[in-house]
Amino acid sequence: VMTTETSPVRRALASALLRLNRTLPAGSLFLHFSARWSKSHSGSYLPPARFKGVLLDSLFTLVPVGHSPECYRLHEALEAGSIPVVVDNPSARKERCGDPWAELRESGVVLFLSRWEALPELLEGALRNPQRYYEQQRAVVQHYPRVKDAMYTAMLN
């Protein structure tokens, strides 16, 4: 589920996902693309309840960059207990910002790919050995409430 206008990376990813979807067992991927971003939930958007259901039912959630490396989708995936999958592109980092993924990298709850072209290998591995990823999903479910508590505490102090 993503808007494809936000960046060229998202358009390329959408095309690659459509190709990949033809090679995987039926129902392996849930794909829904909107051409344009809008503040309203109308047109080609999924209704919020359906979007939530998709996230809750997903082992993985792709988190392509938009206007910044970190986006709502990352936190939506973590909240739903779905393993976020991101591409870490060190050359795209802004020098003054450092590594936006450092804390999540240390936690081990996010899967990092070097490029989106590595996604088929990840999905094929998950089909061969789902238990490995179920364990990581349990780690997501245990980790994210602690992150939210820490953010809440930091805001109060």
C-alpha atoms as a PDB file:
ATOM      1  CA  VAL A   1       0.000   0.000   0.000  1.00  0.00           C
ATOM      2  CA  MET A   2       1.717   3.167  -1.127  1.00  0.00           C
ATOM      3  CA  THR A   3       1.530   6.321  -3.147  1.00  0.00           C
ATOM      4  CA  THR A   4       3.760   6.163  -6.190  1.00  0.00           C
ATOM      5  CA  GLU A   5       4.186   9.902  -6.834  1.00  0.00           C
ATOM      6  CA  THR A   6       6.316  10.617  -3.776  1.00  0.00           C
ATOM      7  CA  SER A   7       9.599   9.498  -5.319  1.00  0.00           C
ATOM      8  CA  PRO A   8      11.052   7.709  -8.353  1.00  0.00           C
ATOM      9  CA  VAL A   9      12.094   4.912  -5.989  1.00  0.00           C
ATOM     10  CA  ARG A  10       8.436   4.234  -5.182  1.00  0.00           C
ATOM     11  CA  ARG A  11       7.461   4.107  -8.872  1.00  0.00           C
ATOM     12  CA  ALA A  12      10.271   1.642  -9.617  1.00  0.00           C
ATOM     13  CA  LEU A  13       9.354  -0.431  -6.571  1.00  0.00           C
ATOM     14  CA  ALA A  14       5.690  -0.569  -7.637  1.00  0.00           C
ATOM     15  CA  SER A  15       6.708  -1.882 -11.069  1.00  0.00           C
ATOM     16  CA  ALA A  16       9.020  -4.464  -9.535  1.00  0.00           C
ATOM     17  CA  LEU A  17       6.306  -5.614  -7.103  1.00  0.00           C
ATOM     18  CA  LEU A  18       3.811  -6.090  -9.900  1.00  0.00           C
ATOM     19  CA  ARG A  19       6.338  -8.285 -11.735  1.00  0.00           C
ATOM     20  CA  LEU A  20       7.197 -10.195  -8.553  1.00  0.00           C
ATOM     21  CA  ASN A  21       3.541 -10.777  -7.731  1.00  0.00           C
ATOM     22  CA  ARG A  22       3.199 -12.844 -10.919  1.00  0.00           C
ATOM     23  CA  THR A  23       5.911 -15.261  -9.720  1.00  0.00           C
ATOM     24  CA  LEU A  24       4.825 -15.898  -6.109  1.00  0.00           C
ATOM     25  CA  PRO A  25       2.009 -18.117  -4.840  1.00  0.00           C
ATOM     26  CA  ALA A  26      -1.390 -16.399  -4.984  1.00  0.00           C
ATOM     27  CA  GLY A  27      -2.064 -14.240  -1.941  1.00  0.00           C
ATOM     28  CA  SER A  28       1.608 -13.878  -0.981  1.00  0.00           C
ATOM     29  CA  LEU A  29       1.581 -10.119  -1.580  1.00  0.00           C
ATOM     30  CA  PHE A  30      -1.038  -7.486  -0.956  1.00  0.00           C
ATOM     31  CA  LEU A  31      -0.521  -4.659  -3.439  1.00  0.00           C
ATOM     32  CA  HIS A  32      -2.441  -1.403  -3.574  1.00  0.00           C
ATOM     33  CA  PHE A  33      -1.084   1.745  -5.218  1.00  0.00           C
ATOM     34  CA  SER A  34      -2.399   5.285  -5.321  1.00  0.00           C
ATOM     35  CA  ALA A  35      -1.036   7.567  -8.000  1.00  0.00           C
ATOM     36  CA  ARG A  36      -1.259  10.703  -5.890  1.00  0.00           C
ATOM     37  CA  TRP A  37      -1.058  11.522  -2.215  1.00  0.00           C
ATOM     38  CA  SER A  38      -4.078  13.237  -0.688  1.00  0.00           C
ATOM     39  CA  LYS A  39      -5.069  14.273   2.813  1.00  0.00           C
ATOM     40  CA  SER A  40      -8.509  12.764   2.279  1.00  0.00           C
ATOM     41  CA  HIS A  41      -9.252   9.058   2.343  1.00  0.00           C
ATOM     42  CA  SER A  42     -11.113   9.004  -0.926  1.00  0.00           C
ATOM     43  CA  GLY A  43     -10.535   7.898  -4.478  1.00  0.00           C
ATOM     44  CA  SER A  44      -8.039   5.044  -4.714  1.00  0.00           C
ATOM     45  CA  TYR A  45      -7.193   4.966  -1.011  1.00  0.00           C
ATOM     46  CA  LEU A  46      -7.938   1.943   1.144  1.00  0.00           C
ATOM     47  CA  PRO A  47     -10.479   2.645   3.870  1.00  0.00           C
ATOM     48  CA  PRO A  48      -8.623   2.998   7.214  1.00  0.00           C
ATOM     49  CA  ALA A  49     -10.149  -0.182   8.682  1.00  0.00           C
ATOM     50  CA  ARG A  50      -9.033  -2.213   5.633  1.00  0.00           C
ATOM     51  CA  PHE A  51      -5.548  -0.687   5.766  1.00  0.00           C
ATOM     52  CA  LYS A  52      -5.258  -1.595   9.454  1.00  0.00           C
ATOM     53  CA  GLY A  53      -6.423  -5.140   8.717  1.00  0.00           C
ATOM     54  CA  VAL A  54      -3.823  -5.544   5.974  1.00  0.00           C
ATOM     55  CA  LEU A  55      -1.038  -4.394   8.301  1.00  0.00           C
ATOM     56  CA  LEU A  56      -2.202  -6.664  11.118  1.00  0.00           C
ATOM     57  CA  ASP A  57      -2.242  -9.601   8.702  1.00  0.00           C
ATOM     58  CA  SER A  58       1.203  -8.893   7.204  1.00  0.00           C
ATOM     59  CA  LEU A  59       4.450 -10.556   8.163  1.00  0.00           C
ATOM     60  CA  PHE A  60       6.387  -7.839   6.302  1.00  0.00           C
ATOM     61  CA  THR A  61       5.583  -4.227   5.472  1.00  0.00           C
ATOM     62  CA  LEU A  62       7.666  -2.418   2.875  1.00  0.00           C
ATOM     63  CA  VAL A  63       8.776   1.040   3.956  1.00  0.00           C
ATOM     64  CA  PRO A  64      10.033   2.876   0.871  1.00  0.00           C
ATOM     65  CA  VAL A  65      11.425   6.350   1.418  1.00  0.00           C
ATOM     66  CA  GLY A  66       9.215   9.276   0.622  1.00  0.00           C
ATOM     67  CA  HIS A  67      10.335  12.771   1.469  1.00  0.00           C
ATOM     68  CA  SER A  68      12.587  11.403   4.239  1.00  0.00           C
ATOM     69  CA  PRO A  69      13.993   7.992   5.240  1.00  0.00           C
ATOM     70  CA  GLU A  70      11.641   7.629   8.193  1.00  0.00           C
ATOM     71  CA  CYS A  71       7.937   7.805   7.459  1.00  0.00           C
ATOM     72  CA  TYR A  72       4.578   6.964   8.987  1.00  0.00           C
ATOM     73  CA  ARG A  73       4.633   3.511   7.409  1.00  0.00           C
ATOM     74  CA  LEU A  74       7.545   2.479   9.615  1.00  0.00           C
ATOM     75  CA  HIS A  75       5.607   3.228  12.797  1.00  0.00           C
ATOM     76  CA  GLU A  76       2.361   1.824  11.394  1.00  0.00           C
ATOM     77  CA  ALA A  77       4.133  -1.465  10.672  1.00  0.00           C
ATOM     78  CA  LEU A  78       5.746  -1.610  14.110  1.00  0.00           C
ATOM     79  CA  GLU A  79       2.440  -0.797  15.798  1.00  0.00           C
ATOM     80  CA  ALA A  80       0.745  -3.624  13.868  1.00  0.00           C
ATOM     81  CA  GLY A  81       3.484  -6.137  14.663  1.00  0.00           C
ATOM     82  CA  SER A  82       4.608  -6.380  11.034  1.00  0.00           C
ATOM     83  CA  ILE A  83       8.325  -6.478  10.255  1.00  0.00           C
ATOM     84  CA  PRO A  84       9.340  -3.269   8.462  1.00  0.00           C
ATOM     85  CA  VAL A  85      11.542  -3.784   5.408  1.00  0.00           C
ATOM     86  CA  VAL A  86      13.622  -0.793   4.339  1.00  0.00           C
ATOM     87  CA  VAL A  87      16.422  -0.095   1.923  1.00  0.00           C
ATOM     88  CA  ASP A  88      19.345   1.487   3.677  1.00  0.00           C
ATOM     89  CA  ASN A  89      21.129   3.760   1.248  1.00  0.00           C
ATOM     90  CA  PRO A  90      24.105   5.285   3.084  1.00  0.00           C
ATOM     91  CA  SER A  91      24.831   7.624   0.161  1.00  0.00           C
ATOM     92  CA  ALA A  92      21.376   9.223   0.561  1.00  0.00           C
ATOM     93  CA  ARG A  93      21.968  10.190   4.184  1.00  0.00           C
ATOM     94  CA  LYS A  94      22.403  13.836   4.970  1.00  0.00           C
ATOM     95  CA  GLU A  95      25.688  14.455   6.712  1.00  0.00           C
ATOM     96  CA  ARG A  96      24.144  16.508   9.518  1.00  0.00           C
ATOM     97  CA  CYS A  97      21.559  13.804  10.243  1.00  0.00           C
ATOM     98  CA  GLY A  98      23.860  10.820  10.570  1.00  0.00           C
ATOM     99  CA  ASP A  99      22.300   7.372  10.392  1.00  0.00           C
ATOM    100  CA  PRO A 100      18.499   7.672  10.718  1.00  0.00           C
ATOM    101  CA  TRP A 101      18.279   3.913  11.229  1.00  0.00           C
ATOM    102  CA  ALA A 102      20.941   3.496  13.969  1.00  0.00           C
ATOM    103  CA  GLU A 103      18.536   2.814  16.842  1.00  0.00           C
ATOM    104  CA  LEU A 104      16.362   0.463  14.804  1.00  0.00           C
ATOM    105  CA  ARG A 105      19.411  -1.316  13.410  1.00  0.00           C
ATOM    106  CA  GLU A 106      20.544  -2.017  16.974  1.00  0.00           C
ATOM    107  CA  SER A 107      17.097  -3.319  17.942  1.00  0.00           C
ATOM    108  CA  GLY A 108      17.086  -5.943  15.190  1.00  0.00           C
ATOM    109  CA  VAL A 109      13.355  -5.499  14.522  1.00  0.00           C
ATOM    110  CA  VAL A 110      13.704  -3.949  11.056  1.00  0.00           C
ATOM    111  CA  LEU A 111      14.955  -5.833   8.011  1.00  0.00           C
ATOM    112  CA  PHE A 112      17.454  -3.834   5.978  1.00  0.00           C
ATOM    113  CA  LEU A 113      18.051  -4.505   2.308  1.00  0.00           C
ATOM    114  CA  SER A 114      20.862  -2.968   0.285  1.00  0.00           C
ATOM    115  CA  ARG A 115      18.432  -2.431  -2.605  1.00  0.00           C
ATOM    116  CA  TRP A 116      14.827  -3.316  -3.449  1.00  0.00           C
ATOM    117  CA  GLU A 117      16.014  -5.843  -6.040  1.00  0.00           C
ATOM    118  CA  ALA A 118      16.939  -8.087  -3.064  1.00  0.00           C
ATOM    119  CA  LEU A 119      13.266  -8.348  -2.051  1.00  0.00           C
ATOM    120  CA  PRO A 120      12.469 -11.536  -4.044  1.00  0.00           C
ATOM    121  CA  GLU A 121      15.248 -13.369  -2.211  1.00  0.00           C
ATOM    122  CA  LEU A 122      13.863 -12.223   1.152  1.00  0.00           C
ATOM    123  CA  LEU A 123      10.335 -13.349   0.278  1.00  0.00           C
ATOM    124  CA  GLU A 124      11.499 -16.696  -1.086  1.00  0.00           C
ATOM    125  CA  GLY A 125      13.478 -17.227   2.138  1.00  0.00           C
ATOM    126  CA  ALA A 126      10.383 -16.443   4.181  1.00  0.00           C
ATOM    127  CA  LEU A 127       8.388 -19.001   2.214  1.00  0.00           C
ATOM    128  CA  ARG A 128      11.113 -21.626   2.824  1.00  0.00           C
ATOM    129  CA  ASN A 129      11.672 -20.840   6.515  1.00  0.00           C
ATOM    130  CA  PRO A 130       8.772 -18.830   7.950  1.00  0.00           C
ATOM    131  CA  GLN A 131       9.638 -19.714  11.562  1.00  0.00           C
ATOM    132  CA  ARG A 132      12.704 -17.464  11.453  1.00  0.00           C
ATOM    133  CA  TYR A 133      10.540 -14.484  10.552  1.00  0.00           C
ATOM    134  CA  TYR A 134       7.783 -15.374  13.005  1.00  0.00           C
ATOM    135  CA  GLU A 135      10.424 -15.097  15.736  1.00  0.00           C
ATOM    136  CA  GLN A 136      11.451 -11.698  14.435  1.00  0.00           C
ATOM    137  CA  GLN A 137       7.802 -10.656  14.321  1.00  0.00           C
ATOM    138  CA  ARG A 138       7.462 -11.610  18.001  1.00  0.00           C
ATOM    139  CA  ALA A 139      10.481  -9.382  18.691  1.00  0.00           C
ATOM    140  CA  VAL A 140       8.697  -6.489  16.936  1.00  0.00           C
ATOM    141  CA  VAL A 141       5.611  -7.007  19.084  1.00  0.00           C
ATOM    142  CA  GLN A 142       7.736  -6.977  22.252  1.00  0.00           C
ATOM    143  CA  HIS A 143      10.019  -4.106  21.210  1.00  0.00           C
ATOM    144  CA  TYR A 144       7.697  -1.400  19.957  1.00  0.00           C
ATOM    145  CA  PRO A 145       5.727  -0.803  23.189  1.00  0.00           C
ATOM    146  CA  ARG A 146       9.067  -0.121  24.929  1.00  0.00           C
ATOM    147  CA  VAL A 147       9.958   2.391  22.189  1.00  0.00           C
ATOM    148  CA  LYS A 148       6.628   4.179  22.613  1.00  0.00           C
ATOM    149  CA  ASP A 149       7.046   4.275  26.389  1.00  0.00           C
ATOM    150  CA  ALA A 150      10.539   5.751  26.010  1.00  0.00           C
ATOM    151  CA  MET A 151       9.262   8.429  23.587  1.00  0.00           C
ATOM    152  CA  TYR A 152       6.400   9.281  25.918  1.00  0.00           C
ATOM    153  CA  THR A 153       8.738   9.568  28.900  1.00  0.00           C
ATOM    154  CA  ALA A 154      11.194  11.713  26.919  1.00  0.00           C
ATOM    155  CA  MET A 155       8.368  14.087  25.928  1.00  0.00           C
ATOM    156  CA  LEU A 156       7.287  14.489  29.558  1.00  0.00           C
ATOM    157  CA  ASN A 157      10.796  15.257  30.787  1.00  0.00           C
END
